[in-house]
Amino acid sequence: MDRSICLLCLALVALISGCSSETAKRTAYETLQNVREQECLKNPSATDCGKRNSYEDYERQRKALEKAPE
């Protein structure tokens, strides 16, 4: 849990320091992925501990969903 808090604090510092919005999004995504990975290490029987997607893959999927007709 302490590591999760540390990662979240790091993400907040990056946001406050004036980094670009793309960097902030990437940092937030990576932080959440790291937290998820830590939870999977604590509980290996969890069902959502599959392959970790890169930020680029996430962005491609997100943009494809935005363009998809409803």
N, C-alpha and C. Protein backbone atom coordinates (compact mmCIF):
# COMPACT_ATOMS: atom_id res chain seq x y z
N MET A 1 0.83 -1.20 0.00
CA MET A 1 0.00 0.00 0.00
C MET A 1 0.87 1.26 0.00
N ASP A 2 1.96 1.23 0.74
CA ASP A 2 2.83 2.41 0.78
C ASP A 2 3.40 2.73 -0.59
N ARG A 3 3.69 1.69 -1.36
CA ARG A 3 4.22 1.92 -2.70
C ARG A 3 3.17 2.56 -3.60
N SER A 4 1.93 2.16 -3.43
CA SER A 4 0.84 2.74 -4.22
C SER A 4 0.71 4.23 -3.92
N ILE A 5 0.78 4.57 -2.67
CA ILE A 5 0.68 5.98 -2.27
C ILE A 5 1.85 6.76 -2.84
N CYS A 6 3.04 6.15 -2.79
CA CYS A 6 4.22 6.82 -3.34
C CYS A 6 4.06 7.08 -4.83
N LEU A 7 3.55 6.08 -5.56
CA LEU A 7 3.36 6.25 -7.00
C LEU A 7 2.31 7.31 -7.30
N LEU A 8 1.25 7.35 -6.51
CA LEU A 8 0.23 8.38 -6.72
C LEU A 8 0.79 9.77 -6.43
N CYS A 9 1.61 9.88 -5.39
CA CYS A 9 2.25 11.16 -5.08
C CYS A 9 3.17 11.60 -6.22
N LEU A 10 3.89 10.64 -6.78
CA LEU A 10 4.78 10.95 -7.90
C LEU A 10 3.98 11.47 -9.09
N ALA A 11 2.83 10.85 -9.34
CA ALA A 11 1.98 11.31 -10.43
C ALA A 11 1.48 12.73 -10.17
N LEU A 12 1.11 13.03 -8.94
CA LEU A 12 0.65 14.37 -8.60
C LEU A 12 1.76 15.41 -8.76
N VAL A 13 2.95 15.05 -8.37
CA VAL A 13 4.09 15.96 -8.53
C VAL A 13 4.32 16.25 -10.01
N ALA A 14 4.22 15.22 -10.83
CA ALA A 14 4.39 15.41 -12.27
C ALA A 14 3.33 16.35 -12.83
N LEU A 15 2.10 16.23 -12.35
CA LEU A 15 1.03 17.11 -12.81
C LEU A 15 1.27 18.55 -12.38
N ILE A 16 1.69 18.72 -11.16
CA ILE A 16 1.89 20.06 -10.62
C ILE A 16 3.10 20.74 -11.26
N SER A 17 4.10 19.96 -11.66
CA SER A 17 5.33 20.54 -12.18
C SER A 17 5.17 21.15 -13.57
N GLY A 18 4.01 21.05 -14.15
CA GLY A 18 3.76 21.71 -15.43
C GLY A 18 4.10 20.87 -16.64
N CYS A 19 4.10 19.57 -16.50
CA CYS A 19 4.38 18.74 -17.66
C CYS A 19 3.19 18.79 -18.62
N SER A 20 3.42 18.35 -19.85
CA SER A 20 2.36 18.39 -20.84
C SER A 20 1.21 17.47 -20.46
N SER A 21 0.06 17.71 -21.04
CA SER A 21 -1.10 16.88 -20.72
C SER A 21 -0.87 15.44 -21.17
N GLU A 22 -0.15 15.25 -22.26
CA GLU A 22 0.16 13.89 -22.72
C GLU A 22 1.05 13.16 -21.70
N THR A 23 2.02 13.85 -21.17
CA THR A 23 2.89 13.26 -20.16
C THR A 23 2.10 12.95 -18.90
N ALA A 24 1.21 13.83 -18.53
CA ALA A 24 0.38 13.61 -17.34
C ALA A 24 -0.51 12.38 -17.54
N LYS A 25 -1.10 12.25 -18.71
CA LYS A 25 -1.95 11.09 -19.00
C LYS A 25 -1.14 9.80 -18.95
N ARG A 26 0.04 9.84 -19.55
CA ARG A 26 0.90 8.66 -19.56
C ARG A 26 1.32 8.28 -18.15
N THR A 27 1.68 9.27 -17.35
CA THR A 27 2.09 9.02 -15.97
C THR A 27 0.95 8.43 -15.16
N ALA A 28 -0.24 8.96 -15.33
CA ALA A 28 -1.40 8.44 -14.61
C ALA A 28 -1.68 7.00 -15.03
N TYR A 29 -1.61 6.72 -16.32
CA TYR A 29 -1.85 5.36 -16.82
C TYR A 29 -0.82 4.40 -16.25
N GLU A 30 0.46 4.78 -16.33
CA GLU A 30 1.52 3.92 -15.83
C GLU A 30 1.39 3.70 -14.32
N THR A 31 1.00 4.73 -13.60
CA THR A 31 0.82 4.60 -12.15
C THR A 31 -0.28 3.60 -11.84
N LEU A 32 -1.39 3.71 -12.53
CA LEU A 32 -2.48 2.77 -12.30
C LEU A 32 -2.09 1.34 -12.69
N GLN A 33 -1.32 1.20 -13.76
CA GLN A 33 -0.85 -0.12 -14.15
C GLN A 33 0.09 -0.71 -13.09
N ASN A 34 0.94 0.14 -12.52
CA ASN A 34 1.85 -0.32 -11.47
C ASN A 34 1.09 -0.73 -10.21
N VAL A 35 0.08 0.02 -9.86
CA VAL A 35 -0.74 -0.33 -8.70
C VAL A 35 -1.43 -1.67 -8.95
N ARG A 36 -1.97 -1.84 -10.14
CA ARG A 36 -2.63 -3.11 -10.49
C ARG A 36 -1.64 -4.27 -10.43
N GLU A 37 -0.44 -4.04 -10.93
CA GLU A 37 0.57 -5.09 -10.90
C GLU A 37 0.94 -5.47 -9.46
N GLN A 38 1.05 -4.47 -8.60
CA GLN A 38 1.36 -4.74 -7.19
C GLN A 38 0.25 -5.55 -6.53
N GLU A 39 -0.99 -5.23 -6.85
CA GLU A 39 -2.11 -5.98 -6.30
C GLU A 39 -2.09 -7.43 -6.81
N CYS A 40 -1.70 -7.62 -8.06
CA CYS A 40 -1.62 -8.98 -8.61
C CYS A 40 -0.51 -9.77 -7.92
N LEU A 41 0.58 -9.10 -7.58
CA LEU A 41 1.66 -9.80 -6.88
C LEU A 41 1.22 -10.23 -5.48
N LYS A 42 0.39 -9.41 -4.85
CA LYS A 42 -0.11 -9.75 -3.52
C LYS A 42 -1.13 -10.87 -3.58
N ASN A 43 -1.93 -10.90 -4.65
CA ASN A 43 -3.00 -11.88 -4.79
C ASN A 43 -2.93 -12.51 -6.18
N PRO A 44 -2.04 -13.49 -6.38
CA PRO A 44 -1.85 -14.08 -7.71
C PRO A 44 -3.08 -14.79 -8.27
N SER A 45 -4.04 -15.10 -7.42
CA SER A 45 -5.23 -15.79 -7.92
C SER A 45 -6.26 -14.83 -8.51
N ALA A 46 -5.97 -13.55 -8.51
CA ALA A 46 -6.91 -12.57 -9.08
C ALA A 46 -7.10 -12.84 -10.57
N THR A 47 -8.30 -12.59 -11.05
CA THR A 47 -8.64 -12.93 -12.43
C THR A 47 -8.19 -11.89 -13.45
N ASP A 48 -7.90 -10.67 -13.03
CA ASP A 48 -7.54 -9.62 -13.98
C ASP A 48 -6.04 -9.34 -14.03
N CYS A 49 -5.22 -10.36 -13.85
CA CYS A 49 -3.76 -10.19 -13.84
C CYS A 49 -3.14 -10.63 -15.16
N GLY A 50 -3.78 -10.31 -16.23
CA GLY A 50 -3.28 -10.69 -17.55
C GLY A 50 -2.15 -9.81 -18.02
N LYS A 51 -1.95 -9.80 -19.31
CA LYS A 51 -0.89 -9.03 -19.94
C LYS A 51 -1.09 -7.53 -19.69
N ARG A 52 -0.01 -6.87 -19.45
CA ARG A 52 -0.04 -5.43 -19.23
C ARG A 52 0.09 -4.72 -20.57
N ASN A 53 -0.88 -3.89 -20.90
CA ASN A 53 -0.86 -3.14 -22.16
C ASN A 53 -0.01 -1.88 -22.02
N SER A 54 0.68 -1.54 -23.10
CA SER A 54 1.45 -0.31 -23.11
C SER A 54 0.51 0.89 -23.22
N TYR A 55 1.02 2.06 -22.92
CA TYR A 55 0.21 3.26 -23.03
C TYR A 55 -0.19 3.49 -24.49
N GLU A 56 0.72 3.17 -25.41
CA GLU A 56 0.44 3.35 -26.83
C GLU A 56 -0.73 2.46 -27.27
N ASP A 57 -0.73 1.20 -26.79
CA ASP A 57 -1.85 0.30 -27.11
C ASP A 57 -3.15 0.84 -26.55
N TYR A 58 -3.09 1.32 -25.32
CA TYR A 58 -4.27 1.89 -24.67
C TYR A 58 -4.81 3.07 -25.48
N GLU A 59 -3.92 3.97 -25.90
CA GLU A 59 -4.33 5.14 -26.67
C GLU A 59 -4.96 4.74 -28.00
N ARG A 60 -4.36 3.76 -28.70
CA ARG A 60 -4.92 3.28 -29.96
C ARG A 60 -6.33 2.74 -29.77
N GLN A 61 -6.51 1.93 -28.73
CA GLN A 61 -7.83 1.36 -28.46
C GLN A 61 -8.84 2.44 -28.10
N ARG A 62 -8.39 3.40 -27.30
CA ARG A 62 -9.29 4.48 -26.89
C ARG A 62 -9.72 5.32 -28.08
N LYS A 63 -8.78 5.66 -28.96
CA LYS A 63 -9.11 6.47 -30.14
C LYS A 63 -10.02 5.71 -31.11
N ALA A 64 -9.79 4.39 -31.21
CA ALA A 64 -10.64 3.58 -32.08
C ALA A 64 -12.08 3.56 -31.56
N LEU A 65 -12.22 3.50 -30.24
CA LEU A 65 -13.56 3.53 -29.65
C LEU A 65 -14.25 4.88 -29.84
N GLU A 66 -13.46 5.96 -29.80
CA GLU A 66 -14.04 7.29 -30.00
C GLU A 66 -14.56 7.45 -31.43
N LYS A 67 -13.86 6.84 -32.39
CA LYS A 67 -14.24 6.95 -33.79
C LYS A 67 -15.37 6.00 -34.17
N ALA A 68 -15.56 4.95 -33.40
CA ALA A 68 -16.57 3.94 -33.72
C ALA A 68 -17.97 4.55 -33.62
N PRO A 69 -18.83 4.23 -34.58
CA PRO A 69 -20.21 4.74 -34.52
C PRO A 69 -20.97 4.10 -33.35
N GLU A 70 -21.87 4.86 -32.79
CA GLU A 70 -22.61 4.36 -31.63
C GLU A 70 -23.77 3.56 -32.01
